[in-house]
Amino acid sequence: MADVKAVTDETFEDVVLNAERPIIVDFWAAWCGPCRMVAPELEKIAEKYAGAIDVVKMDVDANPAVSQALQIMTLPTIAFFRPGEQPMAVIGAMPAEQVEARFGLSQYATAKTN
């Protein structure tokens, strides 16, 4: 299984904003029921696109600075950051296939390296 690492307010810039490849960020909180439904779906994406796209998660309660700066108001929010481009985001729980479609991830499937 691909490893979905946690990022913090302190590590967000290095890990996400300065990433060399695309990265998906799961903004979540422990009290959020739909967030628990999204976690296994994002693990599927992390596994499928390992080596091409990174997947991380950020607990907004423990790390309020980034979520406030990005105006994350609803959970779960899933954001897709691509180097040199504006991030895209979707709100709410959805299956992995829907996240893939919304962010156009299929273009990264052939870029996968092991």
N, C-alpha and C. Protein backbone atom coordinates (compact mmCIF):
# COMPACT_ATOMS: atom_id res chain seq x y z
N MET A 1 0.84 -1.19 0.00
CA MET A 1 0.00 0.00 0.00
C MET A 1 0.88 1.25 0.00
N ALA A 2 0.54 2.23 -0.78
CA ALA A 2 1.31 3.48 -0.82
C ALA A 2 1.11 4.23 0.49
N ASP A 3 2.13 4.93 0.89
CA ASP A 3 2.13 5.64 2.15
C ASP A 3 1.55 7.04 1.96
N VAL A 4 0.47 7.35 2.70
CA VAL A 4 -0.10 8.70 2.69
C VAL A 4 0.44 9.40 3.93
N LYS A 5 1.37 10.30 3.73
CA LYS A 5 2.03 10.98 4.84
C LYS A 5 1.21 12.20 5.28
N ALA A 6 1.44 12.60 6.51
CA ALA A 6 0.81 13.81 7.04
C ALA A 6 1.73 15.00 6.83
N VAL A 7 1.14 16.15 6.50
CA VAL A 7 1.89 17.39 6.44
C VAL A 7 1.36 18.32 7.52
N THR A 8 2.19 19.27 7.91
CA THR A 8 1.83 20.22 8.96
C THR A 8 1.98 21.64 8.42
N ASP A 9 1.58 22.60 9.24
CA ASP A 9 1.79 24.00 8.86
C ASP A 9 3.27 24.25 8.56
N GLU A 10 4.14 23.61 9.34
CA GLU A 10 5.58 23.82 9.19
C GLU A 10 6.15 23.14 7.93
N THR A 11 5.59 22.02 7.52
CA THR A 11 6.15 21.28 6.38
C THR A 11 5.40 21.50 5.06
N PHE A 12 4.27 22.18 5.10
CA PHE A 12 3.42 22.34 3.92
C PHE A 12 4.16 22.97 2.74
N GLU A 13 4.87 24.05 2.98
CA GLU A 13 5.56 24.73 1.88
C GLU A 13 6.58 23.82 1.22
N ASP A 14 7.42 23.16 2.01
CA ASP A 14 8.44 22.27 1.45
C ASP A 14 7.83 21.08 0.73
N VAL A 15 6.88 20.43 1.37
CA VAL A 15 6.32 19.18 0.83
C VAL A 15 5.36 19.43 -0.33
N VAL A 16 4.49 20.43 -0.21
CA VAL A 16 3.43 20.64 -1.20
C VAL A 16 3.79 21.74 -2.21
N LEU A 17 4.05 22.92 -1.72
CA LEU A 17 4.26 24.06 -2.63
C LEU A 17 5.56 23.95 -3.43
N ASN A 18 6.55 23.29 -2.85
CA ASN A 18 7.82 23.13 -3.56
C ASN A 18 8.00 21.73 -4.15
N ALA A 19 6.93 20.98 -4.26
CA ALA A 19 6.99 19.62 -4.80
C ALA A 19 7.39 19.65 -6.27
N GLU A 20 8.15 18.64 -6.66
CA GLU A 20 8.58 18.55 -8.06
C GLU A 20 7.55 17.84 -8.93
N ARG A 21 6.63 17.12 -8.31
CA ARG A 21 5.58 16.44 -9.07
C ARG A 21 4.22 16.79 -8.45
N PRO A 22 3.14 16.48 -9.14
CA PRO A 22 1.82 16.79 -8.61
C PRO A 22 1.57 16.13 -7.26
N ILE A 23 0.76 16.80 -6.45
CA ILE A 23 0.47 16.28 -5.12
C ILE A 23 -0.98 16.57 -4.75
N ILE A 24 -1.64 15.59 -4.16
CA ILE A 24 -3.01 15.72 -3.68
C ILE A 24 -2.95 15.89 -2.17
N VAL A 25 -3.67 16.89 -1.66
CA VAL A 25 -3.74 17.14 -0.22
C VAL A 25 -5.16 16.91 0.25
N ASP A 26 -5.29 16.05 1.24
CA ASP A 26 -6.57 15.77 1.88
C ASP A 26 -6.65 16.62 3.15
N PHE A 27 -7.47 17.67 3.12
CA PHE A 27 -7.69 18.49 4.31
C PHE A 27 -8.83 17.84 5.09
N TRP A 28 -8.55 17.42 6.33
CA TRP A 28 -9.49 16.62 7.10
C TRP A 28 -9.44 17.01 8.58
N ALA A 29 -10.36 16.42 9.36
CA ALA A 29 -10.37 16.56 10.81
C ALA A 29 -10.91 15.27 11.41
N ALA A 30 -10.48 14.95 12.62
CA ALA A 30 -10.86 13.70 13.27
C ALA A 30 -12.37 13.60 13.48
N TRP A 31 -13.04 14.71 13.71
CA TRP A 31 -14.47 14.71 13.98
C TRP A 31 -15.34 14.62 12.72
N CYS A 32 -14.72 14.67 11.56
CA CYS A 32 -15.44 14.72 10.28
C CYS A 32 -15.71 13.31 9.74
N GLY A 33 -16.97 12.89 9.78
CA GLY A 33 -17.35 11.57 9.28
C GLY A 33 -17.01 11.35 7.82
N PRO A 34 -17.40 12.26 6.92
CA PRO A 34 -17.07 12.08 5.50
C PRO A 34 -15.55 12.02 5.25
N CYS A 35 -14.76 12.66 6.12
CA CYS A 35 -13.30 12.60 5.95
C CYS A 35 -12.81 11.16 6.11
N ARG A 36 -13.43 10.42 7.01
CA ARG A 36 -13.04 9.01 7.20
C ARG A 36 -13.40 8.18 5.98
N MET A 37 -14.44 8.58 5.26
CA MET A 37 -14.83 7.86 4.05
C MET A 37 -13.87 8.14 2.90
N VAL A 38 -13.29 9.34 2.87
CA VAL A 38 -12.38 9.74 1.79
C VAL A 38 -11.01 9.07 1.93
N ALA A 39 -10.56 8.87 3.16
CA ALA A 39 -9.20 8.36 3.39
C ALA A 39 -8.87 7.10 2.58
N PRO A 40 -9.71 6.04 2.62
CA PRO A 40 -9.35 4.85 1.84
C PRO A 40 -9.39 5.09 0.32
N GLU A 41 -10.20 6.02 -0.13
CA GLU A 41 -10.26 6.34 -1.56
C GLU A 41 -8.96 7.01 -2.00
N LEU A 42 -8.43 7.88 -1.15
CA LEU A 42 -7.17 8.54 -1.49
C LEU A 42 -5.99 7.58 -1.38
N GLU A 43 -6.10 6.59 -0.51
CA GLU A 43 -5.07 5.54 -0.46
C GLU A 43 -5.03 4.77 -1.77
N LYS A 44 -6.20 4.53 -2.37
CA LYS A 44 -6.26 3.86 -3.68
C LYS A 44 -5.53 4.70 -4.73
N ILE A 45 -5.77 6.01 -4.71
CA ILE A 45 -5.12 6.90 -5.67
C ILE A 45 -3.61 6.90 -5.44
N ALA A 46 -3.20 6.95 -4.17
CA ALA A 46 -1.77 6.95 -3.84
C ALA A 46 -1.10 5.70 -4.38
N GLU A 47 -1.78 4.56 -4.27
CA GLU A 47 -1.25 3.29 -4.76
C GLU A 47 -1.19 3.28 -6.29
N LYS A 48 -2.27 3.70 -6.92
CA LYS A 48 -2.37 3.64 -8.38
C LYS A 48 -1.36 4.56 -9.06
N TYR A 49 -1.12 5.74 -8.46
CA TYR A 49 -0.24 6.73 -9.09
C TYR A 49 1.10 6.88 -8.37
N ALA A 50 1.48 5.87 -7.59
CA ALA A 50 2.76 5.92 -6.86
C ALA A 50 3.89 6.21 -7.83
N GLY A 51 4.73 7.16 -7.49
CA GLY A 51 5.84 7.54 -8.34
C GLY A 51 5.50 8.66 -9.31
N ALA A 52 4.21 8.94 -9.52
CA ALA A 52 3.80 10.01 -10.44
C ALA A 52 3.10 11.15 -9.70
N ILE A 53 2.29 10.79 -8.69
CA ILE A 53 1.56 11.78 -7.90
C ILE A 53 1.71 11.39 -6.44
N ASP A 54 2.01 12.36 -5.59
CA ASP A 54 2.06 12.10 -4.15
C ASP A 54 0.71 12.44 -3.53
N VAL A 55 0.37 11.77 -2.44
CA VAL A 55 -0.86 12.04 -1.71
C VAL A 55 -0.48 12.25 -0.25
N VAL A 56 -0.92 13.38 0.32
CA VAL A 56 -0.67 13.69 1.72
C VAL A 56 -1.97 14.13 2.37
N LYS A 57 -1.96 14.17 3.70
CA LYS A 57 -3.15 14.65 4.39
C LYS A 57 -2.75 15.67 5.45
N MET A 58 -3.68 16.60 5.72
CA MET A 58 -3.42 17.64 6.70
C MET A 58 -4.62 17.76 7.64
N ASP A 59 -4.35 17.57 8.92
CA ASP A 59 -5.37 17.73 9.96
C ASP A 59 -5.54 19.24 10.19
N VAL A 60 -6.68 19.78 9.80
CA VAL A 60 -6.89 21.23 9.87
C VAL A 60 -7.00 21.73 11.31
N ASP A 61 -7.44 20.88 12.24
CA ASP A 61 -7.53 21.30 13.63
C ASP A 61 -6.14 21.46 14.24
N ALA A 62 -5.23 20.55 13.92
CA ALA A 62 -3.87 20.60 14.46
C ALA A 62 -2.99 21.60 13.70
N ASN A 63 -3.42 21.96 12.49
CA ASN A 63 -2.62 22.84 11.62
C ASN A 63 -3.52 23.91 10.99
N PRO A 64 -3.94 24.89 11.78
CA PRO A 64 -4.91 25.86 11.27
C PRO A 64 -4.35 26.92 10.31
N ALA A 65 -3.06 27.19 10.34
CA ALA A 65 -2.52 28.30 9.54
C ALA A 65 -2.71 28.10 8.04
N VAL A 66 -2.34 26.93 7.53
CA VAL A 66 -2.46 26.68 6.09
C VAL A 66 -3.92 26.65 5.66
N SER A 67 -4.75 25.95 6.41
CA SER A 67 -6.16 25.86 6.02
C SER A 67 -6.83 27.24 6.05
N GLN A 68 -6.44 28.10 6.99
CA GLN A 68 -6.98 29.46 7.01
C GLN A 68 -6.45 30.26 5.83
N ALA A 69 -5.16 30.14 5.53
CA ALA A 69 -4.57 30.88 4.41
C ALA A 69 -5.20 30.48 3.07
N LEU A 70 -5.54 29.19 2.94
CA LEU A 70 -6.15 28.70 1.70
C LEU A 70 -7.67 28.79 1.72
N GLN A 71 -8.21 29.30 2.82
CA GLN A 71 -9.66 29.47 3.00
C GLN A 71 -10.41 28.15 2.86
N ILE A 72 -9.87 27.10 3.52
CA ILE A 72 -10.56 25.81 3.57
C ILE A 72 -11.68 25.94 4.58
N MET A 73 -12.92 25.96 4.11
CA MET A 73 -14.08 26.19 4.98
C MET A 73 -14.93 24.94 5.18
N THR A 74 -14.80 23.98 4.30
CA THR A 74 -15.63 22.78 4.33
C THR A 74 -14.74 21.56 4.26
N LEU A 75 -15.10 20.53 5.03
CA LEU A 75 -14.33 19.29 5.05
C LEU A 75 -15.20 18.14 4.59
N PRO A 76 -14.62 17.14 3.95
CA PRO A 76 -13.24 17.15 3.47
C PRO A 76 -13.08 18.02 2.23
N THR A 77 -11.94 18.64 2.12
CA THR A 77 -11.53 19.33 0.90
C THR A 77 -10.32 18.58 0.36
N ILE A 78 -10.38 18.22 -0.90
CA ILE A 78 -9.27 17.51 -1.55
C ILE A 78 -8.71 18.48 -2.59
N ALA A 79 -7.43 18.83 -2.42
CA ALA A 79 -6.81 19.81 -3.31
C ALA A 79 -5.72 19.14 -4.14
N PHE A 80 -5.60 19.57 -5.38
CA PHE A 80 -4.61 19.03 -6.31
C PHE A 80 -3.66 20.15 -6.70
N PHE A 81 -2.40 20.00 -6.32
CA PHE A 81 -1.37 21.00 -6.60
C PHE A 81 -0.44 20.45 -7.68
N ARG A 82 -0.28 21.22 -8.75
CA ARG A 82 0.66 20.87 -9.81
C ARG A 82 1.72 21.95 -9.87
N PRO A 83 2.98 21.57 -9.99
CA PRO A 83 4.05 22.57 -10.03
C PRO A 83 3.78 23.65 -11.07
N GLY A 84 3.84 24.90 -10.63
CA GLY A 84 3.69 26.02 -11.54
C GLY A 84 2.27 26.36 -11.94
N GLU A 85 1.27 25.69 -11.35
CA GLU A 85 -0.12 25.94 -11.72
C GLU A 85 -0.96 26.22 -10.48
N GLN A 86 -2.10 26.84 -10.69
CA GLN A 86 -3.03 27.08 -9.60
C GLN A 86 -3.61 25.75 -9.11
N PRO A 87 -3.77 25.59 -7.80
CA PRO A 87 -4.36 24.35 -7.31
C PRO A 87 -5.85 24.26 -7.66
N MET A 88 -6.34 23.04 -7.73
CA MET A 88 -7.76 22.78 -7.94
C MET A 88 -8.25 22.07 -6.69
N ALA A 89 -9.54 22.18 -6.38
CA ALA A 89 -10.06 21.51 -5.19
C ALA A 89 -11.47 21.00 -5.44
N VAL A 90 -11.80 19.93 -4.73
CA VAL A 90 -13.16 19.41 -4.69
C VAL A 90 -13.53 19.27 -3.22
N ILE A 91 -14.80 19.40 -2.94
CA ILE A 91 -15.29 19.34 -1.57
C ILE A 91 -16.24 18.16 -1.44
N GLY A 92 -16.07 17.43 -0.33
CA GLY A 92 -16.97 16.34 -0.03
C GLY A 92 -16.38 14.97 -0.32
N ALA A 93 -17.03 13.96 0.24
CA ALA A 93 -16.59 12.58 0.06
C ALA A 93 -17.01 12.10 -1.33
N MET A 94 -16.09 11.41 -1.99
CA MET A 94 -16.39 10.85 -3.31
C MET A 94 -15.45 9.68 -3.56
N PRO A 95 -15.85 8.76 -4.43
CA PRO A 95 -14.99 7.62 -4.75
C PRO A 95 -13.73 8.06 -5.49
N ALA A 96 -12.71 7.23 -5.44
CA ALA A 96 -11.43 7.51 -6.08
C ALA A 96 -11.61 7.84 -7.55
N GLU A 97 -12.48 7.13 -8.24
CA GLU A 97 -12.69 7.34 -9.67
C GLU A 97 -13.20 8.75 -9.96
N GLN A 98 -14.04 9.26 -9.07
CA GLN A 98 -14.57 10.61 -9.26
C GLN A 98 -13.48 11.66 -9.02
N VAL A 99 -12.63 11.43 -8.02
CA VAL A 99 -11.50 12.34 -7.78
C VAL A 99 -10.58 12.33 -8.99
N GLU A 100 -10.29 11.14 -9.52
CA GLU A 100 -9.43 11.01 -10.71
C GLU A 100 -10.01 11.82 -11.88
N ALA A 101 -11.30 11.69 -12.10
CA ALA A 101 -11.95 12.38 -13.21
C ALA A 101 -11.93 13.89 -13.02
N ARG A 102 -12.23 14.35 -11.82
CA ARG A 102 -12.27 15.79 -11.55
C ARG A 102 -10.91 16.45 -11.77
N PHE A 103 -9.84 15.75 -11.40
CA PHE A 103 -8.50 16.32 -11.51
C PHE A 103 -7.77 15.89 -12.79
N GLY A 104 -8.40 15.05 -13.62
CA GLY A 104 -7.76 14.60 -14.86
C GLY A 104 -6.51 13.79 -14.61
N LEU A 105 -6.56 12.91 -13.62
CA LEU A 105 -5.37 12.16 -13.23
C LEU A 105 -4.94 11.10 -14.24
N SER A 106 -5.83 10.70 -15.14
CA SER A 106 -5.47 9.64 -16.08
C SER A 106 -4.23 9.98 -16.90
N GLN A 107 -3.98 11.27 -17.11
CA GLN A 107 -2.79 11.66 -17.88
C GLN A 107 -1.49 11.29 -17.14
N TYR A 108 -1.58 11.03 -15.85
CA TYR A 108 -0.39 10.68 -15.08
C TYR A 108 -0.17 9.18 -14.97
N ALA A 109 -1.12 8.39 -15.43
CA ALA A 109 -1.02 6.92 -15.31
C ALA A 109 0.17 6.39 -16.09
N THR A 110 0.42 6.92 -17.26
CA THR A 110 1.54 6.42 -18.07
C THR A 110 2.88 6.95 -17.55
N ALA A 111 2.85 7.98 -16.72
CA ALA A 111 4.08 8.54 -16.18
C ALA A 111 4.58 7.76 -14.96
N LYS A 112 3.81 6.78 -14.53
CA LYS A 112 4.16 6.05 -13.33
C LYS A 112 5.49 5.33 -13.49
N THR A 113 6.33 5.47 -12.48
CA THR A 113 7.63 4.80 -12.46
C THR A 113 7.76 4.01 -11.17
N ASN A 114 8.39 2.86 -11.25
CA ASN A 114 8.57 2.05 -10.04
C ASN A 114 10.02 1.89 -9.70
